[in-house]
Amino acid sequence: MPGLAKGDPQGDRELLKGLIRERSFKFGSFVLSSGKESTYYFDGKQVTLNPQGAYLVARAILEKVKDIQIQAIGGPTLGADPMVGSLAPVLYLEGTDLKLFIVRGTAKTHGTKRFIEGPQLLAGDRVVIIDDVITSGGSIIRSIETVQEVGCNVVKVVTLVDRREGGTEKIEKMGIKVDPIFNIKDFI
């Protein structure tokens, strides 16, 4: 992907890892959105809504997609919302123009009644789906299917953290590579 500024991806990665460790993990007894019980909870928005964290997440995503030709990046609301928002100014500052989008859980009941918010995706667009965490993969798979209905080709999924609980395998069985920035073994 042309226009990406040179930086220190490894140094940025270590800073991001420290922020995630410090801000995003809680330990105890939790019920996840999948209904499963867990001894830890990952709250990615504690980092993706932090100025430094948002910037580092955007840079990490762009590092994951720099060598592939794409027209758009987006993902499911609410996990991807701050990530998509942080990508916009970083892309602008680096002189890169990509469509950014959010996939709603349900279509708007008024106005355009769209499932996908942002610049119009076109049939044939190559897109990357992003999210803050992947557990069972449900919300990411719904986003993949939604953009595929428009005719887009999902070429990769990038997540901030992969909990390694089966979601990656489900998506890869669909023929789509999952490339997490971190997996749970980086923290626990």
C-alpha atoms as a PDB file:
ATOM      1  CA  MET A   1       0.000   0.000   0.000  1.00  0.00           C
ATOM      2  CA  PRO A   2       1.756   3.188  -1.103  1.00  0.00           C
ATOM      3  CA  GLY A   3       2.158   6.227   1.105  1.00  0.00           C
ATOM      4  CA  LEU A   4       2.666   4.563   4.455  1.00  0.00           C
ATOM      5  CA  ALA A   5       5.144   6.456   6.570  1.00  0.00           C
ATOM      6  CA  LYS A   6       8.150   4.610   7.877  1.00  0.00           C
ATOM      7  CA  GLY A   7       8.101   4.046  11.599  1.00  0.00           C
ATOM      8  CA  ASP A   8       9.203   1.525  14.143  1.00  0.00           C
ATOM      9  CA  PRO A   9       6.510  -1.153  13.919  1.00  0.00           C
ATOM     10  CA  GLN A  10       8.192  -3.357  16.536  1.00  0.00           C
ATOM     11  CA  GLY A  11       8.548  -0.500  19.022  1.00  0.00           C
ATOM     12  CA  ASP A  12       4.949   0.573  18.398  1.00  0.00           C
ATOM     13  CA  ARG A  13       3.837  -3.033  18.882  1.00  0.00           C
ATOM     14  CA  GLU A  14       5.526  -3.242  22.279  1.00  0.00           C
ATOM     15  CA  LEU A  15       3.968   0.075  23.378  1.00  0.00           C
ATOM     16  CA  LEU A  16       0.553  -1.177  22.256  1.00  0.00           C
ATOM     17  CA  LYS A  17       1.034  -4.492  24.032  1.00  0.00           C
ATOM     18  CA  GLY A  18       1.838  -2.655  27.267  1.00  0.00           C
ATOM     19  CA  LEU A  19      -1.252  -0.454  26.955  1.00  0.00           C
ATOM     20  CA  ILE A  20      -3.466  -3.477  26.341  1.00  0.00           C
ATOM     21  CA  ARG A  21      -1.993  -5.368  29.283  1.00  0.00           C
ATOM     22  CA  GLU A  22      -2.433  -2.344  31.567  1.00  0.00           C
ATOM     23  CA  ARG A  23      -5.863  -1.134  30.462  1.00  0.00           C
ATOM     24  CA  SER A  24      -7.874  -3.838  28.704  1.00  0.00           C
ATOM     25  CA  PHE A  25      -7.772  -6.968  30.842  1.00  0.00           C
ATOM     26  CA  LYS A  26      -9.892  -7.680  33.890  1.00  0.00           C
ATOM     27  CA  PHE A  27      -9.673 -10.947  35.796  1.00  0.00           C
ATOM     28  CA  GLY A  28     -12.452 -12.722  37.698  1.00  0.00           C
ATOM     29  CA  SER A  29     -15.628 -14.468  36.557  1.00  0.00           C
ATOM     30  CA  PHE A  30     -17.303 -13.118  33.411  1.00  0.00           C
ATOM     31  CA  VAL A  31     -19.999 -14.198  30.963  1.00  0.00           C
ATOM     32  CA  LEU A  32     -19.046 -13.317  27.380  1.00  0.00           C
ATOM     33  CA  SER A  33     -21.426 -12.233  24.603  1.00  0.00           C
ATOM     34  CA  SER A  34     -21.213 -15.808  23.282  1.00  0.00           C
ATOM     35  CA  GLY A  35     -22.666 -16.995  26.603  1.00  0.00           C
ATOM     36  CA  LYS A  36     -19.438 -18.719  27.580  1.00  0.00           C
ATOM     37  CA  GLU A  37     -17.923 -18.165  31.018  1.00  0.00           C
ATOM     38  CA  SER A  38     -14.377 -16.865  31.263  1.00  0.00           C
ATOM     39  CA  THR A  39     -11.819 -16.077  33.959  1.00  0.00           C
ATOM     40  CA  TYR A  40     -10.843 -12.885  32.153  1.00  0.00           C
ATOM     41  CA  TYR A  41     -12.506 -10.116  30.203  1.00  0.00           C
ATOM     42  CA  PHE A  42     -10.907  -8.153  27.383  1.00  0.00           C
ATOM     43  CA  ASP A  43     -12.236  -4.614  26.935  1.00  0.00           C
ATOM     44  CA  GLY A  44     -10.506  -3.341  23.802  1.00  0.00           C
ATOM     45  CA  LYS A  45     -12.217   0.038  23.968  1.00  0.00           C
ATOM     46  CA  GLN A  46     -10.034   0.949  26.947  1.00  0.00           C
ATOM     47  CA  VAL A  47      -7.207   1.127  24.392  1.00  0.00           C
ATOM     48  CA  THR A  48      -8.983   1.932  21.120  1.00  0.00           C
ATOM     49  CA  LEU A  49     -10.632   4.988  22.709  1.00  0.00           C
ATOM     50  CA  ASN A  50      -7.367   6.206  24.244  1.00  0.00           C
ATOM     51  CA  PRO A  51      -5.450   8.722  22.061  1.00  0.00           C
ATOM     52  CA  GLN A  52      -2.120   6.877  22.126  1.00  0.00           C
ATOM     53  CA  GLY A  53      -3.827   3.498  21.872  1.00  0.00           C
ATOM     54  CA  ALA A  54      -5.994   4.576  18.943  1.00  0.00           C
ATOM     55  CA  TYR A  55      -2.954   5.783  17.029  1.00  0.00           C
ATOM     56  CA  LEU A  56      -0.967   2.618  17.777  1.00  0.00           C
ATOM     57  CA  VAL A  57      -3.907   0.387  16.799  1.00  0.00           C
ATOM     58  CA  ALA A  58      -4.295   2.244  13.490  1.00  0.00           C
ATOM     59  CA  ARG A  59      -0.567   1.870  12.764  1.00  0.00           C
ATOM     60  CA  ALA A  60      -0.682  -1.847  13.655  1.00  0.00           C
ATOM     61  CA  ILE A  61      -3.641  -2.432  11.331  1.00  0.00           C
ATOM     62  CA  LEU A  62      -1.900  -0.610   8.492  1.00  0.00           C
ATOM     63  CA  GLU A  63       1.225  -2.694   9.081  1.00  0.00           C
ATOM     64  CA  LYS A  64      -0.925  -5.836   8.639  1.00  0.00           C
ATOM     65  CA  VAL A  65      -2.382  -4.644   5.317  1.00  0.00           C
ATOM     66  CA  LYS A  66       0.541  -2.723   3.789  1.00  0.00           C
ATOM     67  CA  ASP A  67       1.398  -5.424   1.259  1.00  0.00           C
ATOM     68  CA  ILE A  68      -2.098  -6.175  -0.034  1.00  0.00           C
ATOM     69  CA  GLN A  69      -4.173  -4.242  -2.523  1.00  0.00           C
ATOM     70  CA  ILE A  70      -7.454  -3.183  -0.888  1.00  0.00           C
ATOM     71  CA  GLN A  71     -10.120  -0.537  -1.357  1.00  0.00           C
ATOM     72  CA  ALA A  72     -11.758  -0.565   2.103  1.00  0.00           C
ATOM     73  CA  ILE A  73     -11.381  -1.395   5.787  1.00  0.00           C
ATOM     74  CA  GLY A  74     -14.206  -1.734   8.292  1.00  0.00           C
ATOM     75  CA  GLY A  75     -15.952  -3.995  10.713  1.00  0.00           C
ATOM     76  CA  PRO A  76     -18.810  -4.657  13.079  1.00  0.00           C
ATOM     77  CA  THR A  77     -20.208  -2.056  15.406  1.00  0.00           C
ATOM     78  CA  LEU A  78     -19.229  -1.506  18.298  1.00  0.00           C
ATOM     79  CA  GLY A  79     -15.806  -3.125  18.485  1.00  0.00           C
ATOM     80  CA  ALA A  80     -14.565  -1.767  15.169  1.00  0.00           C
ATOM     81  CA  ASP A  81     -16.066   1.734  15.509  1.00  0.00           C
ATOM     82  CA  PRO A  82     -13.147   3.411  17.325  1.00  0.00           C
ATOM     83  CA  MET A  83     -10.629   1.457  15.242  1.00  0.00           C
ATOM     84  CA  VAL A  84     -12.179   2.684  11.997  1.00  0.00           C
ATOM     85  CA  GLY A  85     -12.298   6.206  13.413  1.00  0.00           C
ATOM     86  CA  SER A  86      -8.615   6.113  14.331  1.00  0.00           C
ATOM     87  CA  LEU A  87      -7.668   4.916  10.853  1.00  0.00           C
ATOM     88  CA  ALA A  88      -9.184   7.975   9.136  1.00  0.00           C
ATOM     89  CA  PRO A  89      -6.695  10.658  10.284  1.00  0.00           C
ATOM     90  CA  VAL A  90      -3.715   8.294  10.072  1.00  0.00           C
ATOM     91  CA  LEU A  91      -4.601   7.389   6.483  1.00  0.00           C
ATOM     92  CA  TYR A  92      -5.071  11.063   5.628  1.00  0.00           C
ATOM     93  CA  LEU A  93      -1.735  12.081   7.149  1.00  0.00           C
ATOM     94  CA  GLU A  94      -0.015   9.298   5.234  1.00  0.00           C
ATOM     95  CA  GLY A  95      -1.657  10.253   1.942  1.00  0.00           C
ATOM     96  CA  THR A  96      -3.570   6.996   1.606  1.00  0.00           C
ATOM     97  CA  ASP A  97      -7.211   7.010   0.546  1.00  0.00           C
ATOM     98  CA  LEU A  98      -9.268   3.973   1.529  1.00  0.00           C
ATOM     99  CA  LYS A  99     -12.986   3.646   2.154  1.00  0.00           C
ATOM    100  CA  LEU A 100     -13.745   3.147   5.835  1.00  0.00           C
ATOM    101  CA  PHE A 101     -17.008   1.568   6.964  1.00  0.00           C
ATOM    102  CA  ILE A 102     -18.999   0.209   9.889  1.00  0.00           C
ATOM    103  CA  VAL A 103     -21.352  -2.785   9.651  1.00  0.00           C
ATOM    104  CA  ARG A 104     -24.489  -2.357  11.750  1.00  0.00           C
ATOM    105  CA  GLY A 105     -25.976  -5.234  13.717  1.00  0.00           C
ATOM    106  CA  THR A 106     -29.340  -4.480  12.112  1.00  0.00           C
ATOM    107  CA  ALA A 107     -30.326  -2.245   9.219  1.00  0.00           C
ATOM    108  CA  LYS A 108     -31.382   1.321   9.949  1.00  0.00           C
ATOM    109  CA  THR A 109     -35.154   1.579  10.156  1.00  0.00           C
ATOM    110  CA  HIS A 110     -35.169   5.081   8.668  1.00  0.00           C
ATOM    111  CA  GLY A 111     -33.365   7.129   6.022  1.00  0.00           C
ATOM    112  CA  THR A 112     -31.227   4.924   3.808  1.00  0.00           C
ATOM    113  CA  LYS A 113     -31.986   1.733   5.789  1.00  0.00           C
ATOM    114  CA  ARG A 114     -28.389   0.674   5.281  1.00  0.00           C
ATOM    115  CA  PHE A 115     -26.497  -2.142   6.985  1.00  0.00           C
ATOM    116  CA  ILE A 116     -23.155  -0.623   6.007  1.00  0.00           C
ATOM    117  CA  GLU A 117     -22.316   2.955   7.011  1.00  0.00           C
ATOM    118  CA  GLY A 118     -19.641   4.959   5.233  1.00  0.00           C
ATOM    119  CA  PRO A 119     -18.644   5.420   1.599  1.00  0.00           C
ATOM    120  CA  GLN A 120     -20.458   3.026  -0.696  1.00  0.00           C
ATOM    121  CA  LEU A 121     -18.741  -0.310  -1.133  1.00  0.00           C
ATOM    122  CA  LEU A 122     -18.789  -1.597  -4.689  1.00  0.00           C
ATOM    123  CA  ALA A 123     -18.933  -5.083  -6.102  1.00  0.00           C
ATOM    124  CA  GLY A 124     -15.366  -6.229  -6.562  1.00  0.00           C
ATOM    125  CA  ASP A 125     -13.919  -4.054  -3.791  1.00  0.00           C
ATOM    126  CA  ARG A 126     -11.238  -5.893  -1.845  1.00  0.00           C
ATOM    127  CA  VAL A 127     -11.833  -5.290   1.854  1.00  0.00           C
ATOM    128  CA  VAL A 128     -10.310  -6.052   5.236  1.00  0.00           C
ATOM    129  CA  ILE A 129     -12.605  -6.658   8.199  1.00  0.00           C
ATOM    130  CA  ILE A 130     -11.333  -5.449  11.585  1.00  0.00           C
ATOM    131  CA  ASP A 131     -12.548  -5.884  15.154  1.00  0.00           C
ATOM    132  CA  ASP A 132     -11.107  -5.451  18.616  1.00  0.00           C
ATOM    133  CA  VAL A 133     -11.459  -9.099  19.641  1.00  0.00           C
ATOM    134  CA  ILE A 134     -12.338 -12.449  18.133  1.00  0.00           C
ATOM    135  CA  THR A 135     -13.839 -15.173  20.304  1.00  0.00           C
ATOM    136  CA  SER A 136     -16.478 -17.260  18.516  1.00  0.00           C
ATOM    137  CA  GLY A 137     -16.242 -15.092  15.392  1.00  0.00           C
ATOM    138  CA  GLY A 138     -19.989 -14.394  15.199  1.00  0.00           C
ATOM    139  CA  SER A 139     -19.962 -10.615  14.694  1.00  0.00           C
ATOM    140  CA  ILE A 140     -17.036 -10.791  12.281  1.00  0.00           C
ATOM    141  CA  ILE A 141     -18.712 -13.526  10.233  1.00  0.00           C
ATOM    142  CA  ARG A 142     -21.921 -11.439  10.036  1.00  0.00           C
ATOM    143  CA  SER A 143     -19.817  -8.490   8.792  1.00  0.00           C
ATOM    144  CA  ILE A 144     -18.078 -10.690   6.225  1.00  0.00           C
ATOM    145  CA  GLU A 145     -21.424 -11.967   4.944  1.00  0.00           C
ATOM    146  CA  THR A 146     -22.881  -8.444   4.826  1.00  0.00           C
ATOM    147  CA  VAL A 147     -20.077  -7.035   2.661  1.00  0.00           C
ATOM    148  CA  GLN A 148     -20.038 -10.180   0.517  1.00  0.00           C
ATOM    149  CA  GLU A 149     -23.738  -9.583  -0.225  1.00  0.00           C
ATOM    150  CA  VAL A 150     -22.664  -6.277  -1.833  1.00  0.00           C
ATOM    151  CA  GLY A 151     -20.174  -8.236  -3.949  1.00  0.00           C
ATOM    152  CA  CYS A 152     -17.030  -7.344  -2.030  1.00  0.00           C
ATOM    153  CA  ASN A 153     -14.120  -9.736  -1.670  1.00  0.00           C
ATOM    154  CA  VAL A 154     -12.985 -10.030   1.955  1.00  0.00           C
ATOM    155  CA  VAL A 155      -9.246 -10.677   1.714  1.00  0.00           C
ATOM    156  CA  LYS A 156      -8.265 -10.599   5.391  1.00  0.00           C
ATOM    157  CA  VAL A 157      -9.513 -10.185   8.945  1.00  0.00           C
ATOM    158  CA  VAL A 158      -7.377  -8.222  11.415  1.00  0.00           C
ATOM    159  CA  THR A 159      -8.220  -8.223  15.110  1.00  0.00           C
ATOM    160  CA  LEU A 160      -6.551  -6.545  18.024  1.00  0.00           C
ATOM    161  CA  VAL A 161      -6.707  -9.729  20.152  1.00  0.00           C
ATOM    162  CA  ASP A 162      -7.593 -13.311  19.258  1.00  0.00           C
ATOM    163  CA  ARG A 163      -8.923 -15.149  22.312  1.00  0.00           C
ATOM    164  CA  ARG A 164      -8.173 -18.435  20.487  1.00  0.00           C
ATOM    165  CA  GLU A 165     -11.605 -19.863  21.153  1.00  0.00           C
ATOM    166  CA  GLY A 166     -12.572 -21.108  17.691  1.00  0.00           C
ATOM    167  CA  GLY A 167     -13.506 -17.942  15.800  1.00  0.00           C
ATOM    168  CA  THR A 168     -10.307 -17.823  13.773  1.00  0.00           C
ATOM    169  CA  GLU A 169     -10.765 -21.409  12.623  1.00  0.00           C
ATOM    170  CA  LYS A 170     -14.378 -20.749  11.545  1.00  0.00           C
ATOM    171  CA  ILE A 171     -13.323 -17.753   9.458  1.00  0.00           C
ATOM    172  CA  GLU A 172     -10.327 -19.502   7.928  1.00  0.00           C
ATOM    173  CA  LYS A 173     -12.647 -22.365   6.867  1.00  0.00           C
ATOM    174  CA  MET A 174     -14.441 -19.672   4.830  1.00  0.00           C
ATOM    175  CA  GLY A 175     -11.150 -19.163   2.961  1.00  0.00           C
ATOM    176  CA  ILE A 176     -10.281 -15.856   4.674  1.00  0.00           C
ATOM    177  CA  LYS A 177      -6.984 -15.320   6.471  1.00  0.00           C
ATOM    178  CA  VAL A 178      -7.184 -14.073  10.072  1.00  0.00           C
ATOM    179  CA  ASP A 179      -4.167 -12.013  11.128  1.00  0.00           C
ATOM    180  CA  PRO A 180      -4.469 -10.871  14.761  1.00  0.00           C
ATOM    181  CA  ILE A 181      -2.181  -8.178  16.100  1.00  0.00           C
ATOM    182  CA  PHE A 182      -1.967 -10.190  19.343  1.00  0.00           C
ATOM    183  CA  ASN A 183      -3.374 -13.445  20.624  1.00  0.00           C
ATOM    184  CA  ILE A 184      -4.272 -14.268  24.180  1.00  0.00           C
ATOM    185  CA  LYS A 185      -0.998 -16.102  24.741  1.00  0.00           C
ATOM    186  CA  ASP A 186       0.749 -12.722  24.479  1.00  0.00           C
ATOM    187  CA  PHE A 187      -0.983 -11.698  27.729  1.00  0.00           C
ATOM    188  CA  ILE A 188      -1.923 -14.773  29.766  1.00  0.00           C
END
